[in-house]
Amino acid sequence: MLVAELVGLLNDAEHYLMGTPDQRLAYLERRAKLLHRLMDATGDESSRYLAQDAEDRAAAARAGAEALAAECGDPHPAPRGP
């Protein structure tokens, strides 16, 4: 299952710049979640910082998107995925 998710994430990376803001945010959140799952599966705690960095970047992107939406009166970003 992890391999299929990884391939899907890599495919989505090719289209990242062409995606909508919601699609880009969902990609960043999926990436963080998958990196944490990979660290759990491999037991490679020395690389956990990579997953945490991805999570921090996704959180910063969400905060920025929410602030911009509030400032411009646009719809807020889609809720976080499962």
C-alpha atoms as a PDB file:
ATOM      1  CA  MET A   1       0.000   0.000   0.000  1.00  0.00           C
ATOM      2  CA  LEU A   2       2.812   2.442   0.788  1.00  0.00           C
ATOM      3  CA  VAL A   3       4.375   1.896  -2.626  1.00  0.00           C
ATOM      4  CA  ALA A   4       1.101   2.700  -4.395  1.00  0.00           C
ATOM      5  CA  GLU A   5       0.690   5.860  -2.322  1.00  0.00           C
ATOM      6  CA  LEU A   6       4.283   6.860  -3.024  1.00  0.00           C
ATOM      7  CA  VAL A   7       3.805   6.395  -6.776  1.00  0.00           C
ATOM      8  CA  GLY A   8       0.587   8.424  -6.637  1.00  0.00           C
ATOM      9  CA  LEU A   9       2.333  11.191  -4.743  1.00  0.00           C
ATOM     10  CA  LEU A  10       5.207  11.249  -7.236  1.00  0.00           C
ATOM     11  CA  ASN A  11       2.734  11.443 -10.118  1.00  0.00           C
ATOM     12  CA  ASP A  12       0.949  14.344  -8.433  1.00  0.00           C
ATOM     13  CA  ALA A  13       4.269  16.143  -7.928  1.00  0.00           C
ATOM     14  CA  GLU A  14       4.583  16.443 -11.704  1.00  0.00           C
ATOM     15  CA  HIS A  15       1.392  18.535 -11.769  1.00  0.00           C
ATOM     16  CA  TYR A  16       1.915  20.478  -8.536  1.00  0.00           C
ATOM     17  CA  LEU A  17       2.385  23.904 -10.115  1.00  0.00           C
ATOM     18  CA  MET A  18      -0.653  23.506 -12.367  1.00  0.00           C
ATOM     19  CA  GLY A  19      -2.952  22.522  -9.491  1.00  0.00           C
ATOM     20  CA  THR A  20      -5.419  24.711  -7.679  1.00  0.00           C
ATOM     21  CA  PRO A  21      -4.431  26.069  -4.273  1.00  0.00           C
ATOM     22  CA  ASP A  22      -6.588  23.367  -2.637  1.00  0.00           C
ATOM     23  CA  GLN A  23      -4.864  20.665  -4.707  1.00  0.00           C
ATOM     24  CA  ARG A  24      -1.406  21.969  -3.791  1.00  0.00           C
ATOM     25  CA  LEU A  25      -2.317  22.120  -0.113  1.00  0.00           C
ATOM     26  CA  ALA A  26      -3.752  18.587  -0.221  1.00  0.00           C
ATOM     27  CA  TYR A  27      -0.530  17.414  -1.894  1.00  0.00           C
ATOM     28  CA  LEU A  28       1.642  18.932   0.849  1.00  0.00           C
ATOM     29  CA  GLU A  29      -0.504  17.347   3.553  1.00  0.00           C
ATOM     30  CA  ARG A  30      -0.460  13.938   1.818  1.00  0.00           C
ATOM     31  CA  ARG A  31       3.305  14.171   1.476  1.00  0.00           C
ATOM     32  CA  ALA A  32       3.760  14.836   5.190  1.00  0.00           C
ATOM     33  CA  LYS A  33       1.428  12.003   6.158  1.00  0.00           C
ATOM     34  CA  LEU A  34       3.145   9.545   3.806  1.00  0.00           C
ATOM     35  CA  LEU A  35       6.617  10.487   5.038  1.00  0.00           C
ATOM     36  CA  HIS A  36       5.548   9.804   8.621  1.00  0.00           C
ATOM     37  CA  ARG A  37       4.134   6.425   7.552  1.00  0.00           C
ATOM     38  CA  LEU A  38       7.368   5.580   5.726  1.00  0.00           C
ATOM     39  CA  MET A  39       9.417   6.449   8.811  1.00  0.00           C
ATOM     40  CA  ASP A  40       7.117   4.244  10.913  1.00  0.00           C
ATOM     41  CA  ALA A  41       7.385   1.360   8.435  1.00  0.00           C
ATOM     42  CA  THR A  42      11.157   1.505   8.105  1.00  0.00           C
ATOM     43  CA  GLY A  43      11.899   2.397  11.712  1.00  0.00           C
ATOM     44  CA  ASP A  44      14.343   5.040  10.465  1.00  0.00           C
ATOM     45  CA  GLU A  45      13.912   7.541  13.284  1.00  0.00           C
ATOM     46  CA  SER A  46      17.078   9.372  12.237  1.00  0.00           C
ATOM     47  CA  SER A  47      15.143  10.659   9.205  1.00  0.00           C
ATOM     48  CA  ARG A  48      12.000  11.623  11.134  1.00  0.00           C
ATOM     49  CA  TYR A  49      13.012  15.287  10.776  1.00  0.00           C
ATOM     50  CA  LEU A  50      12.170  15.035   7.059  1.00  0.00           C
ATOM     51  CA  ALA A  51       8.609  14.046   7.860  1.00  0.00           C
ATOM     52  CA  GLN A  52       8.341  16.740  10.522  1.00  0.00           C
ATOM     53  CA  ASP A  53       9.659  19.361   8.091  1.00  0.00           C
ATOM     54  CA  ALA A  54       7.048  18.313   5.524  1.00  0.00           C
ATOM     55  CA  GLU A  55       4.349  18.557   8.201  1.00  0.00           C
ATOM     56  CA  ASP A  56       5.560  22.029   9.225  1.00  0.00           C
ATOM     57  CA  ARG A  57       5.551  23.189   5.593  1.00  0.00           C
ATOM     58  CA  ALA A  58       2.009  21.898   5.086  1.00  0.00           C
ATOM     59  CA  ALA A  59       0.839  23.652   8.263  1.00  0.00           C
ATOM     60  CA  ALA A  60       2.479  26.909   7.166  1.00  0.00           C
ATOM     61  CA  ALA A  61       0.885  26.645   3.718  1.00  0.00           C
ATOM     62  CA  ARG A  62      -2.539  26.025   5.293  1.00  0.00           C
ATOM     63  CA  ALA A  63      -2.136  28.998   7.655  1.00  0.00           C
ATOM     64  CA  GLY A  64      -1.097  31.219   4.755  1.00  0.00           C
ATOM     65  CA  ALA A  65      -4.000  30.071   2.591  1.00  0.00           C
ATOM     66  CA  GLU A  66      -6.484  30.650   5.420  1.00  0.00           C
ATOM     67  CA  ALA A  67      -5.094  34.130   6.120  1.00  0.00           C
ATOM     68  CA  LEU A  68      -5.222  35.069   2.440  1.00  0.00           C
ATOM     69  CA  ALA A  69      -8.776  33.767   2.134  1.00  0.00           C
ATOM     70  CA  ALA A  70      -9.876  35.802   5.148  1.00  0.00           C
ATOM     71  CA  GLU A  71      -8.148  38.926   3.843  1.00  0.00           C
ATOM     72  CA  CYS A  72      -9.576  38.631   0.329  1.00  0.00           C
ATOM     73  CA  GLY A  73     -12.983  37.266   1.276  1.00  0.00           C
ATOM     74  CA  ASP A  74     -12.327  34.087  -0.690  1.00  0.00           C
ATOM     75  CA  PRO A  75     -13.483  30.628   0.374  1.00  0.00           C
ATOM     76  CA  HIS A  76     -11.271  28.986   2.962  1.00  0.00           C
ATOM     77  CA  PRO A  77      -9.140  26.016   1.905  1.00  0.00           C
ATOM     78  CA  ALA A  78     -10.761  22.605   1.871  1.00  0.00           C
ATOM     79  CA  PRO A  79     -10.589  20.791   5.210  1.00  0.00           C
ATOM     80  CA  ARG A  80      -7.646  18.480   5.836  1.00  0.00           C
ATOM     81  CA  GLY A  81      -8.020  15.058   4.331  1.00  0.00           C
ATOM     82  CA  PRO A  82      -8.356  11.928   6.427  1.00  0.00           C
END
